[in-house]
């Protein structure tokens, strides 16, 4: 593993229950927010994008907790298939 690989941000997908209001988007360090509605009518928001390190990831998760949002899943995406800058 090279030094560049160790320092590269990892790409995460964070899924929460419900709709994330647009006014809260700045709280999530530029992650792309997409809202989906399932066939059963449930609505989820998925935040996707690069996260520089574990401290930043925990900061995002802390914000989700502080906003009283229900966390559904956190997934580290394969950087080979997801562009960390554009996802």
PDB file of N, CA and C in Angstrom:
ATOM      1  N   UNK A   1       0.854  -1.177   0.000  1.00  0.00           N
ATOM      2  CA  UNK A   1       0.000   0.000   0.000  1.00  0.00           C
ATOM      3  C   UNK A   1       0.897   1.236   0.000  1.00  0.00           C
ATOM      4  N   UNK A   2       0.618   2.173  -0.885  1.00  0.00           N
ATOM      5  CA  UNK A   2       1.441   3.371  -0.990  1.00  0.00           C
ATOM      6  C   UNK A   2       0.950   4.459  -0.049  1.00  0.00           C
ATOM      7  N   UNK A   3       1.802   5.433   0.174  1.00  0.00           N
ATOM      8  CA  UNK A   3       1.433   6.562   1.028  1.00  0.00           C
ATOM      9  C   UNK A   3       0.224   7.302   0.456  1.00  0.00           C
ATOM     10  N   UNK A   4       0.164   7.445  -0.871  1.00  0.00           N
ATOM     11  CA  UNK A   4      -0.966   8.110  -1.514  1.00  0.00           C
ATOM     12  C   UNK A   4      -2.269   7.384  -1.215  1.00  0.00           C
ATOM     13  N   UNK A   5      -2.242   6.058  -1.249  1.00  0.00           N
ATOM     14  CA  UNK A   5      -3.434   5.265  -0.957  1.00  0.00           C
ATOM     15  C   UNK A   5      -3.889   5.482   0.482  1.00  0.00           C
ATOM     16  N   UNK A   6      -2.943   5.554   1.398  1.00  0.00           N
ATOM     17  CA  UNK A   6      -3.294   5.734   2.806  1.00  0.00           C
ATOM     18  C   UNK A   6      -3.944   7.088   3.066  1.00  0.00           C
ATOM     19  N   UNK A   7      -3.552   8.113   2.299  1.00  0.00           N
ATOM     20  CA  UNK A   7      -4.058   9.456   2.544  1.00  0.00           C
ATOM     21  C   UNK A   7      -5.297   9.805   1.727  1.00  0.00           C
ATOM     22  N   UNK A   8      -5.646   8.980   0.757  1.00  0.00           N
ATOM     23  CA  UNK A   8      -6.800   9.259  -0.089  1.00  0.00           C
ATOM     24  C   UNK A   8      -8.087   9.148   0.719  1.00  0.00           C
ATOM     25  N   UNK A   9      -9.028  10.098   0.512  1.00  0.00           N
ATOM     26  CA  UNK A   9     -10.302   9.988   1.221  1.00  0.00           C
ATOM     27  C   UNK A   9     -11.058   8.738   0.779  1.00  0.00           C
ATOM     28  N   UNK A  10     -11.786   8.177   1.687  1.00  0.00           N
ATOM     29  CA  UNK A  10     -12.634   7.030   1.371  1.00  0.00           C
ATOM     30  C   UNK A  10     -14.015   7.552   0.989  1.00  0.00           C
ATOM     31  N   UNK A  11     -14.702   6.811   0.158  1.00  0.00           N
ATOM     32  CA  UNK A  11     -16.037   7.199  -0.280  1.00  0.00           C
ATOM     33  C   UNK A  11     -17.053   6.411   0.543  1.00  0.00           C
ATOM     34  N   UNK A  12     -17.987   7.128   1.146  1.00  0.00           N
ATOM     35  CA  UNK A  12     -18.999   6.489   1.977  1.00  0.00           C
ATOM     36  C   UNK A  12     -20.390   6.785   1.451  1.00  0.00           C
ATOM     37  N   UNK A  13     -21.297   5.862   1.751  1.00  0.00           N
ATOM     38  CA  UNK A  13     -22.720   6.033   1.491  1.00  0.00           C
ATOM     39  C   UNK A  13     -23.399   5.853   2.850  1.00  0.00           C
ATOM     40  N   UNK A  14     -24.120   6.885   3.267  1.00  0.00           N
ATOM     41  CA  UNK A  14     -24.783   6.889   4.576  1.00  0.00           C
ATOM     42  C   UNK A  14     -26.273   7.039   4.328  1.00  0.00           C
ATOM     43  N   UNK A  15     -27.037   6.060   4.764  1.00  0.00           N
ATOM     44  CA  UNK A  15     -28.487   6.070   4.519  1.00  0.00           C
ATOM     45  C   UNK A  15     -29.217   6.396   5.817  1.00  0.00           C
ATOM     46  N   UNK A  16     -30.134   7.367   5.729  1.00  0.00           N
ATOM     47  CA  UNK A  16     -30.946   7.754   6.882  1.00  0.00           C
ATOM     48  C   UNK A  16     -32.424   7.664   6.520  1.00  0.00           C
ATOM     49  N   UNK A  17     -33.248   7.499   7.542  1.00  0.00           N
ATOM     50  CA  UNK A  17     -34.692   7.418   7.365  1.00  0.00           C
ATOM     51  C   UNK A  17     -35.247   8.825   7.188  1.00  0.00           C
ATOM     52  N   UNK A  18     -36.133   8.996   6.214  1.00  0.00           N
ATOM     53  CA  UNK A  18     -36.808  10.269   6.018  1.00  0.00           C
ATOM     54  C   UNK A  18     -36.093  11.189   5.051  1.00  0.00           C
ATOM     55  N   UNK A  19     -36.583  12.420   5.001  1.00  0.00           N
ATOM     56  CA  UNK A  19     -36.069  13.428   4.088  1.00  0.00           C
ATOM     57  C   UNK A  19     -35.154  14.373   4.846  1.00  0.00           C
ATOM     58  N   UNK A  20     -33.996  14.638   4.273  1.00  0.00           N
ATOM     59  CA  UNK A  20     -33.072  15.599   4.847  1.00  0.00           C
ATOM     60  C   UNK A  20     -33.411  16.976   4.276  1.00  0.00           C
ATOM     61  N   UNK A  21     -33.831  17.926   5.108  1.00  0.00           N
ATOM     62  CA  UNK A  21     -34.156  19.261   4.601  1.00  0.00           C
ATOM     63  C   UNK A  21     -32.948  19.899   3.911  1.00  0.00           C
ATOM     64  N   UNK A  22     -33.177  20.616   2.809  1.00  0.00           N
ATOM     65  CA  UNK A  22     -32.090  21.262   2.069  1.00  0.00           C
ATOM     66  C   UNK A  22     -31.254  22.174   2.955  1.00  0.00           C
ATOM     67  N   UNK A  23     -31.885  22.797   3.918  1.00  0.00           N
ATOM     68  CA  UNK A  23     -31.172  23.742   4.790  1.00  0.00           C
ATOM     69  C   UNK A  23     -30.119  23.047   5.659  1.00  0.00           C
ATOM     70  N   UNK A  24     -30.153  21.711   5.758  1.00  0.00           N
ATOM     71  CA  UNK A  24     -29.187  20.972   6.566  1.00  0.00           C
ATOM     72  C   UNK A  24     -28.009  20.454   5.749  1.00  0.00           C
ATOM     73  N   UNK A  25     -28.015  20.651   4.435  1.00  0.00           N
ATOM     74  CA  UNK A  25     -26.990  20.043   3.587  1.00  0.00           C
ATOM     75  C   UNK A  25     -25.572  20.493   3.936  1.00  0.00           C
ATOM     76  N   UNK A  26     -25.401  21.721   4.374  1.00  0.00           N
ATOM     77  CA  UNK A  26     -24.067  22.202   4.752  1.00  0.00           C
ATOM     78  C   UNK A  26     -23.496  21.453   5.951  1.00  0.00           C
ATOM     79  N   UNK A  27     -24.342  20.845   6.738  1.00  0.00           N
ATOM     80  CA  UNK A  27     -23.895  20.104   7.920  1.00  0.00           C
ATOM     81  C   UNK A  27     -23.145  18.832   7.559  1.00  0.00           C
ATOM     82  N   UNK A  28     -23.218  18.420   6.315  1.00  0.00           N
ATOM     83  CA  UNK A  28     -22.667  17.114   5.947  1.00  0.00           C
ATOM     84  C   UNK A  28     -21.497  17.205   4.977  1.00  0.00           C
ATOM     85  N   UNK A  29     -20.667  18.228   5.130  1.00  0.00           N
ATOM     86  CA  UNK A  29     -19.380  18.353   4.446  1.00  0.00           C
ATOM     87  C   UNK A  29     -19.426  18.118   2.942  1.00  0.00           C
ATOM     88  N   UNK A  30     -20.448  18.603   2.276  1.00  0.00           N
ATOM     89  CA  UNK A  30     -20.511  18.495   0.828  1.00  0.00           C
ATOM     90  C   UNK A  30     -20.919  17.141   0.276  1.00  0.00           C
ATOM     91  N   UNK A  31     -21.421  16.255   1.126  1.00  0.00           N
ATOM     92  CA  UNK A  31     -21.889  14.962   0.628  1.00  0.00           C
ATOM     93  C   UNK A  31     -23.133  15.177  -0.232  1.00  0.00           C
ATOM     94  N   UNK A  32     -23.249  14.407  -1.292  1.00  0.00           N
ATOM     95  CA  UNK A  32     -24.405  14.463  -2.181  1.00  0.00           C
ATOM     96  C   UNK A  32     -25.590  13.793  -1.487  1.00  0.00           C
ATOM     97  N   UNK A  33     -26.729  14.488  -1.400  1.00  0.00           N
ATOM     98  CA  UNK A  33     -27.930  13.940  -0.762  1.00  0.00           C
ATOM     99  C   UNK A  33     -28.949  13.575  -1.827  1.00  0.00           C
ATOM    100  N   UNK A  34     -29.389  12.328  -1.806  1.00  0.00           N
ATOM    101  CA  UNK A  34     -30.423  11.857  -2.725  1.00  0.00           C
ATOM    102  C   UNK A  34     -31.544  11.219  -1.916  1.00  0.00           C
ATOM    103  N   UNK A  35     -32.782  11.594  -2.241  1.00  0.00           N
ATOM    104  CA  UNK A  35     -33.950  11.053  -1.552  1.00  0.00           C
ATOM    105  C   UNK A  35     -34.607   9.997  -2.430  1.00  0.00           C
ATOM    106  N   UNK A  36     -34.957   8.864  -1.824  1.00  0.00           N
ATOM    107  CA  UNK A  36     -35.624   7.781  -2.538  1.00  0.00           C
ATOM    108  C   UNK A  36     -36.920   7.422  -1.813  1.00  0.00           C
ATOM    109  N   UNK A  37     -37.916   7.064  -2.609  1.00  0.00           N
ATOM    110  CA  UNK A  37     -39.175   6.579  -2.055  1.00  0.00           C
ATOM    111  C   UNK A  37     -39.327   5.123  -2.470  1.00  0.00           C
ATOM    112  N   UNK A  38     -39.482   4.233  -1.500  1.00  0.00           N
ATOM    113  CA  UNK A  38     -39.643   2.803  -1.770  1.00  0.00           C
ATOM    114  C   UNK A  38     -41.077   2.505  -2.199  1.00  0.00           C
ATOM    115  N   UNK A  39     -41.272   1.311  -2.741  1.00  0.00           N
ATOM    116  CA  UNK A  39     -42.600   0.888  -3.190  1.00  0.00           C
ATOM    117  C   UNK A  39     -43.623   0.925  -2.049  1.00  0.00           C
ATOM    118  N   UNK A  40     -43.155   0.697  -0.812  1.00  0.00           N
ATOM    119  CA  UNK A  40     -44.070   0.704   0.327  1.00  0.00           C
ATOM    120  C   UNK A  40     -44.345   2.118   0.858  1.00  0.00           C
ATOM    121  N   UNK A  41     -43.731   3.129   0.200  1.00  0.00           N
ATOM    122  CA  UNK A  41     -43.973   4.513   0.606  1.00  0.00           C
ATOM    123  C   UNK A  41     -42.950   5.077   1.575  1.00  0.00           C
ATOM    124  N   UNK A  42     -42.049   4.259   2.091  1.00  0.00           N
ATOM    125  CA  UNK A  42     -41.041   4.775   3.018  1.00  0.00           C
ATOM    126  C   UNK A  42     -40.026   5.623   2.250  1.00  0.00           C
ATOM    127  N   UNK A  43     -39.562   6.683   2.895  1.00  0.00           N
ATOM    128  CA  UNK A  43     -38.638   7.621   2.267  1.00  0.00           C
ATOM    129  C   UNK A  43     -37.307   7.561   2.996  1.00  0.00           C
ATOM    130  N   UNK A  44     -36.230   7.493   2.218  1.00  0.00           N
ATOM    131  CA  UNK A  44     -34.887   7.522   2.789  1.00  0.00           C
ATOM    132  C   UNK A  44     -34.048   8.561   2.047  1.00  0.00           C
ATOM    133  N   UNK A  45     -33.035   9.060   2.736  1.00  0.00           N
ATOM    134  CA  UNK A  45     -32.060   9.955   2.123  1.00  0.00           C
ATOM    135  C   UNK A  45     -30.712   9.267   2.202  1.00  0.00           C
ATOM    136  N   UNK A  46     -29.988   9.281   1.079  1.00  0.00           N
ATOM    137  CA  UNK A  46     -28.664   8.695   1.032  1.00  0.00           C
ATOM    138  C   UNK A  46     -27.652   9.802   0.804  1.00  0.00           C
ATOM    139  N   UNK A  47     -26.680   9.886   1.710  1.00  0.00           N
ATOM    140  CA  UNK A  47     -25.573  10.835   1.598  1.00  0.00           C
ATOM    141  C   UNK A  47     -24.383  10.078   1.033  1.00  0.00           C
ATOM    142  N   UNK A  48     -23.778  10.572  -0.039  1.00  0.00           N
ATOM    143  CA  UNK A  48     -22.663   9.878  -0.668  1.00  0.00           C
ATOM    144  C   UNK A  48     -21.545  10.860  -0.970  1.00  0.00           C
ATOM    145  N   UNK A  49     -20.307  10.433  -0.695  1.00  0.00           N
ATOM    146  CA  UNK A  49     -19.174  11.273  -1.051  1.00  0.00           C
ATOM    147  C   UNK A  49     -17.930  10.918  -0.285  1.00  0.00           C
ATOM    148  N   UNK A  50     -16.849  11.647  -0.576  1.00  0.00           N
ATOM    149  CA  UNK A  50     -15.577  11.378   0.090  1.00  0.00           C
ATOM    150  C   UNK A  50     -15.582  11.889   1.523  1.00  0.00           C
ATOM    151  N   UNK A  51     -14.940  11.122   2.390  1.00  0.00           N
ATOM    152  CA  UNK A  51     -14.769  11.499   3.791  1.00  0.00           C
ATOM    153  C   UNK A  51     -13.277  11.353   4.080  1.00  0.00           C
ATOM    154  N   UNK A  52     -12.638  12.416   4.538  1.00  0.00           N
ATOM    155  CA  UNK A  52     -11.179  12.440   4.617  1.00  0.00           C
ATOM    156  C   UNK A  52     -10.575  11.457   5.607  1.00  0.00           C
ATOM    157  N   UNK A  53     -11.259  11.197   6.717  1.00  0.00           N
ATOM    158  CA  UNK A  53     -10.715  10.260   7.705  1.00  0.00           C
ATOM    159  C   UNK A  53     -11.820   9.817   8.664  1.00  0.00           C
ATOM    160  N   UNK A  54     -11.452   8.952   9.595  1.00  0.00           N
ATOM    161  CA  UNK A  54     -12.432   8.416  10.540  1.00  0.00           C
ATOM    162  C   UNK A  54     -13.005   9.491  11.453  1.00  0.00           C
ATOM    163  N   UNK A  55     -12.203  10.487  11.806  1.00  0.00           N
ATOM    164  CA  UNK A  55     -12.711  11.577  12.652  1.00  0.00           C
ATOM    165  C   UNK A  55     -13.821  12.339  11.925  1.00  0.00           C
ATOM    166  N   UNK A  56     -13.634  12.586  10.635  1.00  0.00           N
ATOM    167  CA  UNK A  56     -14.663  13.279   9.849  1.00  0.00           C
ATOM    168  C   UNK A  56     -15.919  12.415   9.749  1.00  0.00           C
ATOM    169  N   UNK A  57     -15.750  11.108   9.558  1.00  0.00           N
ATOM    170  CA  UNK A  57     -16.901  10.205   9.496  1.00  0.00           C
ATOM    171  C   UNK A  57     -17.676  10.238  10.811  1.00  0.00           C
ATOM    172  N   UNK A  58     -16.968  10.183  11.917  1.00  0.00           N
ATOM    173  CA  UNK A  58     -17.644  10.241  13.214  1.00  0.00           C
ATOM    174  C   UNK A  58     -18.335  11.578  13.418  1.00  0.00           C
ATOM    175  N   UNK A  59     -17.756  12.661  12.900  1.00  0.00           N
ATOM    176  CA  UNK A  59     -18.403  13.969  12.980  1.00  0.00           C
ATOM    177  C   UNK A  59     -19.730  13.976  12.243  1.00  0.00           C
ATOM    178  N   UNK A  60     -19.747  13.368  11.052  1.00  0.00           N
ATOM    179  CA  UNK A  60     -20.996  13.277  10.281  1.00  0.00           C
ATOM    180  C   UNK A  60     -22.024  12.443  11.031  1.00  0.00           C
ATOM    181  N   UNK A  61     -21.588  11.315  11.580  1.00  0.00           N
ATOM    182  CA  UNK A  61     -22.507  10.445  12.328  1.00  0.00           C
ATOM    183  C   UNK A  61     -23.019  11.144  13.588  1.00  0.00           C
ATOM    184  N   UNK A  62     -22.154  11.935  14.222  1.00  0.00           N
ATOM    185  CA  UNK A  62     -22.588  12.716  15.393  1.00  0.00           C
ATOM    186  C   UNK A  62     -23.673  13.717  15.008  1.00  0.00           C
ATOM    187  N   UNK A  63     -23.521  14.342  13.843  1.00  0.00           N
ATOM    188  CA  UNK A  63     -24.538  15.306  13.379  1.00  0.00           C
ATOM    189  C   UNK A  63     -25.868  14.606  13.124  1.00  0.00           C
ATOM    190  N   UNK A  64     -25.795  13.426  12.534  1.00  0.00           N
ATOM    191  CA  UNK A  64     -27.026  12.666  12.300  1.00  0.00           C
ATOM    192  C   UNK A  64     -27.718  12.379  13.628  1.00  0.00           C
ATOM    193  N   UNK A  65     -26.951  11.979  14.626  1.00  0.00           N
ATOM    194  CA  UNK A  65     -27.502  11.738  15.959  1.00  0.00           C
ATOM    195  C   UNK A  65     -28.065  13.025  16.562  1.00  0.00           C
ATOM    196  N   UNK A  66     -27.308  14.117  16.476  1.00  0.00           N
ATOM    197  CA  UNK A  66     -27.725  15.392  17.061  1.00  0.00           C
ATOM    198  C   UNK A  66     -29.004  15.931  16.432  1.00  0.00           C
ATOM    199  N   UNK A  67     -29.216  15.625  15.146  1.00  0.00           N
ATOM    200  CA  UNK A  67     -30.429  16.049  14.454  1.00  0.00           C
ATOM    201  C   UNK A  67     -31.583  15.076  14.669  1.00  0.00           C
ATOM    202  N   UNK A  68     -31.336  14.052  15.484  1.00  0.00           N
ATOM    203  CA  UNK A  68     -32.343  13.049  15.823  1.00  0.00           C
ATOM    204  C   UNK A  68     -32.859  12.312  14.583  1.00  0.00           C
ATOM    205  N   UNK A  69     -31.928  12.032  13.645  1.00  0.00           N
ATOM    206  CA  UNK A  69     -32.267  11.280  12.449  1.00  0.00           C
ATOM    207  C   UNK A  69     -31.971   9.810  12.692  1.00  0.00           C
ATOM    208  N   UNK A  70     -32.753   8.943  12.076  1.00  0.00           N
ATOM    209  CA  UNK A  70     -32.554   7.511  12.234  1.00  0.00           C
ATOM    210  C   UNK A  70     -31.547   7.015  11.191  1.00  0.00           C
ATOM    211  N   UNK A  71     -30.418   6.508  11.670  1.00  0.00           N
ATOM    212  CA  UNK A  71     -29.381   5.963  10.804  1.00  0.00           C
ATOM    213  C   UNK A  71     -29.776   4.556  10.377  1.00  0.00           C
ATOM    214  N   UNK A  72     -29.748   4.302   9.074  1.00  0.00           N
ATOM    215  CA  UNK A  72     -30.092   2.980   8.555  1.00  0.00           C
ATOM    216  C   UNK A  72     -28.840   2.180   8.226  1.00  0.00           C
ATOM    217  N   UNK A  73     -27.875   2.814   7.531  1.00  0.00           N
ATOM    218  CA  UNK A  73     -26.674   2.074   7.121  1.00  0.00           C
ATOM    219  C   UNK A  73     -25.535   3.025   6.807  1.00  0.00           C
ATOM    220  N   UNK A  74     -24.308   2.529   7.008  1.00  0.00           N
ATOM    221  CA  UNK A  74     -23.088   3.214   6.599  1.00  0.00           C
ATOM    222  C   UNK A  74     -22.286   2.199   5.803  1.00  0.00           C
ATOM    223  N   UNK A  75     -21.946   2.558   4.557  1.00  0.00           N
ATOM    224  CA  UNK A  75     -21.230   1.639   3.684  1.00  0.00           C
ATOM    225  C   UNK A  75     -20.029   2.342   3.073  1.00  0.00           C
ATOM    226  N   UNK A  76     -18.863   1.695   3.171  1.00  0.00           N
ATOM    227  CA  UNK A  76     -17.686   2.201   2.468  1.00  0.00           C
ATOM    228  C   UNK A  76     -17.749   1.663   1.050  1.00  0.00           C
ATOM    229  N   UNK A  77     -17.716   2.564   0.073  1.00  0.00           N
ATOM    230  CA  UNK A  77     -17.824   2.162  -1.324  1.00  0.00           C
ATOM    231  C   UNK A  77     -16.446   1.882  -1.905  1.00  0.00           C
ATOM    232  N   UNK A  78     -16.415   1.058  -2.921  1.00  0.00           N
ATOM    233  CA  UNK A  78     -15.181   0.719  -3.605  1.00  0.00           C
ATOM    234  C   UNK A  78     -14.712   1.926  -4.415  1.00  0.00           C
ATOM    235  N   UNK A  79     -13.521   2.458  -4.125  1.00  0.00           N
ATOM    236  CA  UNK A  79     -13.048   3.642  -4.865  1.00  0.00           C
ATOM    237  C   UNK A  79     -12.804   3.343  -6.346  1.00  0.00           C
ATOM    238  N   UNK A  80     -12.697   2.092  -6.721  1.00  0.00           N
ATOM    239  CA  UNK A  80     -12.506   1.723  -8.123  1.00  0.00           C
ATOM    240  C   UNK A  80     -13.777   1.962  -8.940  1.00  0.00           C
ATOM    241  N   UNK A  81     -14.940   1.897  -8.297  1.00  0.00           N
ATOM    242  CA  UNK A  81     -16.194   2.059  -9.015  1.00  0.00           C
ATOM    243  C   UNK A  81     -16.910   3.366  -8.691  1.00  0.00           C
ATOM    244  N   UNK A  82     -16.399   4.136  -7.720  1.00  0.00           N
ATOM    245  CA  UNK A  82     -17.015   5.414  -7.343  1.00  0.00           C
ATOM    246  C   UNK A  82     -15.951   6.491  -7.315  1.00  0.00           C
ATOM    247  N   UNK A  83     -16.156   7.522  -8.105  1.00  0.00           N
ATOM    248  CA  UNK A  83     -15.250   8.654  -8.133  1.00  0.00           C
ATOM    249  C   UNK A  83     -15.418   9.425  -6.831  1.00  0.00           C
ATOM    250  N   UNK A  84     -14.372   9.551  -5.998  1.00  0.00           N
ATOM    251  CA  UNK A  84     -14.508  10.230  -4.702  1.00  0.00           C
ATOM    252  C   UNK A  84     -14.900  11.699  -4.815  1.00  0.00           C
ATOM    253  N   UNK A  85     -14.687  12.312  -5.963  1.00  0.00           N
ATOM    254  CA  UNK A  85     -15.054  13.716  -6.096  1.00  0.00           C
ATOM    255  C   UNK A  85     -16.432  13.904  -6.715  1.00  0.00           C
ATOM    256  N   UNK A  86     -16.926  12.923  -7.436  1.00  0.00           N
ATOM    257  CA  UNK A  86     -18.208  13.099  -8.097  1.00  0.00           C
ATOM    258  C   UNK A  86     -19.222  12.049  -7.724  1.00  0.00           C
ATOM    259  N   UNK A  87     -18.782  10.933  -7.220  1.00  0.00           N
ATOM    260  CA  UNK A  87     -19.619   9.806  -6.805  1.00  0.00           C
ATOM    261  C   UNK A  87     -20.581   9.444  -7.897  1.00  0.00           C
TER     262      UNK A  87
END
